[in-house]
Amino acid sequence: MYYVFSFVMSVPVRHLATLCPIQTALLREKVILVNKQDEIIGSETKENAHLMENIVQRGVIHRAFSVFIFNTKNELLLQQRSSEKITFPDLWTNTCCSHPLYTIENEKDPISGTKHAAIRRLKDELGITGVNYEDITFMTKIIYYGASNGQWGEHELDHVLVIRKDIPTIPNPNEVQAIRYVSKNELYQLLNDKDGSFKVTPWFDIICRSYLQQWWDNLDNLEKVVDDSINF
């Protein structure tokens, strides 16, 4: 199965001149282009990798990661993405979602690289400095596609990482507009609420509905439920 998320946000196309200058500057970063086996085939600016015309016409896939942080009460830390974000602004998602960079040598390896990148971005987005490499457990990889609007979207090979630790946060308002901890029951009540007020990113929705419950039930022994395969 190939994860295709038919999701188009009801937000207007936003041209670069109208975007937040901080987020616009980040579009010049070089992400890692990969094939469906997660082998590096090149690099591209974040801007070009997220333009729908390139995703649709060229089929470009870039490497990403999604971090799920649980505290010692087994609650999951969620973030609501800032309104300034270029893809999927204002939506709720997992703790941190971003990309390893082609220009940072220790972020190129498919496993260790995404962990190093996660440590960097946890600090940038949430002010988290208390995570070590050994705290991070790789869980699985998924490939998915999602359109944010007619201009921007995602086509990612996403490495999913789990951390279980009590960690103080200082959210960066340019990246994150809100955070909250939820129990498993609270999260799935929100996801299943028929009024649709709890809107989430496509990758988070896929992970929640296909994998997260099993991981949540095995936080004391995550290695038992690690899946090394690439899930389409």
Protein backbone atom coordinates (compact mmCIF):
# COMPACT_ATOMS: atom_id res chain seq x y z
CA MET A 1 0.00 0.00 0.00
CA TYR A 2 1.25 3.48 -0.87
CA TYR A 3 0.17 6.17 1.55
CA VAL A 4 -1.56 8.91 -0.41
CA PHE A 5 -3.25 11.54 1.68
CA SER A 6 -5.82 13.42 -0.39
CA PHE A 7 -5.63 16.51 1.70
CA VAL A 8 -5.89 20.06 0.42
CA MET A 9 -6.07 22.79 3.01
CA SER A 10 -8.52 25.63 2.52
CA VAL A 11 -5.77 28.24 2.52
CA PRO A 12 -4.81 30.47 -0.40
CA VAL A 13 -1.63 30.01 -2.41
CA ARG A 14 1.08 32.00 -0.64
CA HIS A 15 3.80 33.53 -2.79
CA LEU A 16 7.32 33.82 -1.42
CA ALA A 17 7.15 37.61 -1.15
CA THR A 18 4.23 37.31 1.28
CA LEU A 19 5.74 34.60 3.49
CA CYS A 20 7.50 35.02 6.82
CA PRO A 21 11.15 35.96 6.09
CA ILE A 22 12.43 33.42 8.63
CA GLN A 23 10.52 30.57 7.00
CA THR A 24 11.46 31.84 3.54
CA ALA A 25 15.16 31.72 4.46
CA LEU A 26 14.77 28.09 5.54
CA LEU A 27 13.55 27.24 2.03
CA ARG A 28 17.14 27.66 0.82
CA GLU A 29 18.33 24.71 2.93
CA LYS A 30 19.27 21.57 0.97
CA VAL A 31 17.25 18.47 1.79
CA ILE A 32 18.25 14.92 0.84
CA LEU A 33 16.58 13.38 -2.21
CA VAL A 34 16.13 9.61 -2.04
CA ASN A 35 14.64 6.76 -4.03
CA LYS A 36 12.06 4.38 -2.60
CA GLN A 37 14.84 2.27 -1.05
CA ASP A 38 16.02 5.33 0.94
CA GLU A 39 19.22 5.60 -1.10
CA ILE A 40 20.54 9.11 -1.65
CA ILE A 41 20.18 10.27 -5.26
CA GLY A 42 20.94 13.96 -4.81
CA SER A 43 19.85 17.13 -3.06
CA GLU A 44 17.37 19.90 -3.62
CA THR A 45 16.39 23.14 -1.93
CA LYS A 46 13.58 22.78 0.55
CA GLU A 47 11.56 25.12 -1.68
CA ASN A 48 11.88 22.95 -4.79
CA ALA A 49 11.31 19.73 -2.86
CA HIS A 50 7.99 21.04 -1.51
CA LEU A 51 6.56 22.59 -4.67
CA MET A 52 3.64 20.53 -5.90
CA GLU A 53 4.68 20.93 -9.54
CA ASN A 54 7.98 19.15 -8.77
CA ILE A 55 6.32 16.49 -6.64
CA VAL A 56 3.76 15.71 -9.34
CA GLN A 57 5.88 16.13 -12.47
CA ARG A 58 9.25 14.82 -11.23
CA GLY A 59 8.10 12.53 -8.40
CA VAL A 60 10.79 13.89 -6.07
CA ILE A 61 10.99 12.21 -2.65
CA HIS A 62 12.99 13.71 0.19
CA ARG A 63 14.09 12.22 3.49
CA ALA A 64 12.35 13.43 6.65
CA PHE A 65 11.84 12.43 10.26
CA SER A 66 9.00 12.53 12.77
CA VAL A 67 9.77 12.52 16.50
CA PHE A 68 7.32 11.30 19.15
CA ILE A 69 8.29 12.26 22.71
CA PHE A 70 6.52 10.52 25.59
CA ASN A 71 6.98 11.57 29.21
CA THR A 72 7.30 9.10 32.07
CA LYS A 73 3.51 9.26 32.56
CA ASN A 74 3.25 7.81 29.03
CA GLU A 75 1.73 11.00 27.66
CA LEU A 76 2.62 12.12 24.13
CA LEU A 77 3.84 15.66 23.47
CA LEU A 78 2.01 17.26 20.54
CA GLN A 79 2.66 20.54 18.81
CA GLN A 80 0.39 22.82 16.82
CA ARG A 81 2.31 24.14 13.85
CA SER A 82 2.80 27.89 13.59
CA SER A 83 0.66 29.94 11.23
CA GLU A 84 3.94 30.94 9.57
CA LYS A 85 4.70 27.40 8.39
CA ILE A 86 4.62 27.04 4.62
CA THR A 87 3.14 23.52 4.58
CA PHE A 88 0.22 22.55 6.81
CA PRO A 89 0.14 25.70 9.00
CA ASP A 90 -1.97 25.62 12.19
CA LEU A 91 -2.40 21.83 12.19
CA TRP A 92 -1.65 19.58 15.17
CA THR A 93 1.07 16.99 14.78
CA ASN A 94 3.63 14.91 16.64
CA THR A 95 6.37 16.46 18.75
CA CYS A 96 8.73 17.49 15.96
CA CYS A 97 8.81 16.96 12.18
CA SER A 98 11.62 18.10 9.91
CA HIS A 99 14.46 17.04 7.61
CA PRO A 100 18.10 15.98 7.78
CA LEU A 101 20.17 18.31 5.61
CA TYR A 102 22.44 17.37 2.72
CA THR A 103 24.98 19.99 3.78
CA ILE A 104 25.49 18.53 7.28
CA GLU A 105 27.74 15.49 6.94
CA ASN A 106 26.58 13.61 10.05
CA GLU A 107 22.94 13.87 8.91
CA LYS A 108 23.36 11.88 5.67
CA ASP A 109 23.33 8.36 7.12
CA PRO A 110 19.77 6.95 6.91
CA ILE A 111 19.58 6.00 10.60
CA SER A 112 22.16 7.93 12.60
CA GLY A 113 21.71 10.98 10.37
CA THR A 114 18.03 11.39 11.13
CA LYS A 115 18.75 11.08 14.86
CA HIS A 116 21.37 13.83 14.70
CA ALA A 117 18.96 15.99 12.70
CA ALA A 118 16.22 15.35 15.25
CA ILE A 119 18.44 16.59 18.08
CA ARG A 120 19.16 19.77 16.09
CA ARG A 121 15.52 20.48 15.25
CA LEU A 122 14.17 19.68 18.73
CA LYS A 123 16.35 22.54 19.96
CA ASP A 124 15.30 24.87 17.12
CA GLU A 125 11.55 24.21 17.38
CA LEU A 126 11.00 23.46 21.05
CA GLY A 127 14.11 24.65 22.89
CA ILE A 128 14.79 21.05 23.92
CA THR A 129 18.42 20.46 24.86
CA GLY A 130 18.07 17.39 27.08
CA VAL A 131 17.93 14.72 24.36
CA ASN A 132 20.96 12.53 23.67
CA TYR A 133 21.54 10.25 20.69
CA GLU A 134 21.03 7.19 22.92
CA ASP A 135 17.57 8.45 23.97
CA ILE A 136 16.20 8.01 20.44
CA THR A 137 14.69 4.75 19.16
CA PHE A 138 14.14 4.30 15.43
CA MET A 139 10.74 2.67 14.84
CA THR A 140 9.99 2.48 11.11
CA LYS A 141 9.93 4.33 7.78
CA ILE A 142 6.92 5.38 5.73
CA ILE A 143 6.56 6.96 2.30
CA TYR A 144 3.58 9.26 1.92
CA TYR A 145 2.28 12.05 -0.25
CA GLY A 146 0.16 14.99 0.89
CA ALA A 147 -0.91 18.27 -0.72
CA SER A 148 -1.08 21.31 1.56
CA ASN A 149 -2.56 23.48 -1.16
CA GLY A 150 -2.16 23.86 -4.91
CA GLN A 151 1.36 25.21 -4.51
CA TRP A 152 3.02 23.37 -1.61
CA GLY A 153 3.01 19.77 -0.45
CA GLU A 154 4.98 16.81 0.89
CA HIS A 155 6.39 13.64 -0.66
CA GLU A 156 8.55 12.18 2.04
CA LEU A 157 10.34 9.05 3.12
CA ASP A 158 9.73 9.63 6.80
CA HIS A 159 11.84 8.05 9.57
CA VAL A 160 9.77 7.74 12.73
CA LEU A 161 11.65 8.16 16.01
CA VAL A 162 10.48 7.71 19.61
CA ILE A 163 11.87 9.22 22.81
CA ARG A 164 10.64 8.52 26.32
CA LYS A 165 11.88 11.13 28.74
CA ASP A 166 10.71 14.06 30.87
CA ILE A 167 12.01 17.12 29.03
CA PRO A 168 11.45 20.87 29.58
CA THR A 169 10.41 22.85 26.51
CA ILE A 170 10.69 26.46 25.33
CA PRO A 171 8.69 26.55 22.06
CA ASN A 172 9.89 28.81 19.25
CA PRO A 173 6.75 30.79 18.24
CA ASN A 174 7.88 31.02 14.63
CA GLU A 175 7.70 27.22 14.47
CA VAL A 176 5.16 26.21 17.12
CA GLN A 177 2.04 28.03 18.28
CA ALA A 178 1.00 25.59 21.02
CA ILE A 179 1.97 22.34 22.73
CA ARG A 180 0.08 19.85 24.84
CA TYR A 181 0.55 16.42 26.40
CA VAL A 182 -2.16 13.83 25.77
CA SER A 183 -2.87 10.32 26.98
CA LYS A 184 -3.61 7.59 24.46
CA ASN A 185 -7.33 7.77 25.15
CA GLU A 186 -7.37 11.56 24.86
CA LEU A 187 -5.59 11.51 21.51
CA TYR A 188 -7.86 8.95 19.90
CA GLN A 189 -10.95 10.73 21.21
CA LEU A 190 -9.69 13.89 19.52
CA LEU A 191 -8.93 12.06 16.28
CA ASN A 192 -12.37 10.43 16.22
CA ASP A 193 -14.32 13.54 17.18
CA LYS A 194 -16.95 13.95 14.51
CA ASP A 195 -16.91 17.76 14.58
CA GLY A 196 -13.46 17.72 12.94
CA SER A 197 -12.10 20.54 15.07
CA PHE A 198 -8.84 18.70 15.80
CA LYS A 199 -7.07 18.93 12.45
CA VAL A 200 -3.80 17.05 12.00
CA THR A 201 -1.00 16.70 9.47
CA PRO A 202 -1.16 13.81 6.98
CA TRP A 203 1.92 11.99 8.28
CA PHE A 204 0.65 12.18 11.86
CA ASP A 205 -2.74 10.82 10.83
CA ILE A 206 -1.11 7.88 9.03
CA ILE A 207 1.18 7.05 11.94
CA CYS A 208 -1.62 7.36 14.51
CA ARG A 209 -3.96 5.05 12.65
CA SER A 210 -1.41 2.45 11.52
CA TYR A 211 1.35 2.24 14.14
CA LEU A 212 1.10 4.46 17.19
CA GLN A 213 -1.20 2.38 19.39
CA GLN A 214 1.15 -0.60 19.25
CA TRP A 215 4.15 1.56 20.14
CA TRP A 216 2.25 3.23 22.97
CA ASP A 217 1.41 -0.18 24.42
CA ASN A 218 5.08 -1.21 24.31
CA LEU A 219 6.92 1.85 25.61
CA ASP A 220 8.75 -0.35 28.10
CA ASN A 221 10.06 -2.56 25.30
CA LEU A 222 10.07 -0.60 22.05
CA GLU A 223 12.65 -2.83 20.40
CA LYS A 224 10.00 -5.55 20.26
CA VAL A 225 7.89 -3.51 17.83
CA VAL A 226 10.57 -1.93 15.64
CA ASP A 227 9.93 -2.44 11.91
CA ASP A 228 13.04 -1.95 9.75
CA SER A 229 11.10 -2.07 6.48
CA ILE A 230 9.98 0.89 4.37
CA ASN A 231 6.19 1.05 4.41
CA PHE A 232 4.39 2.41 1.33
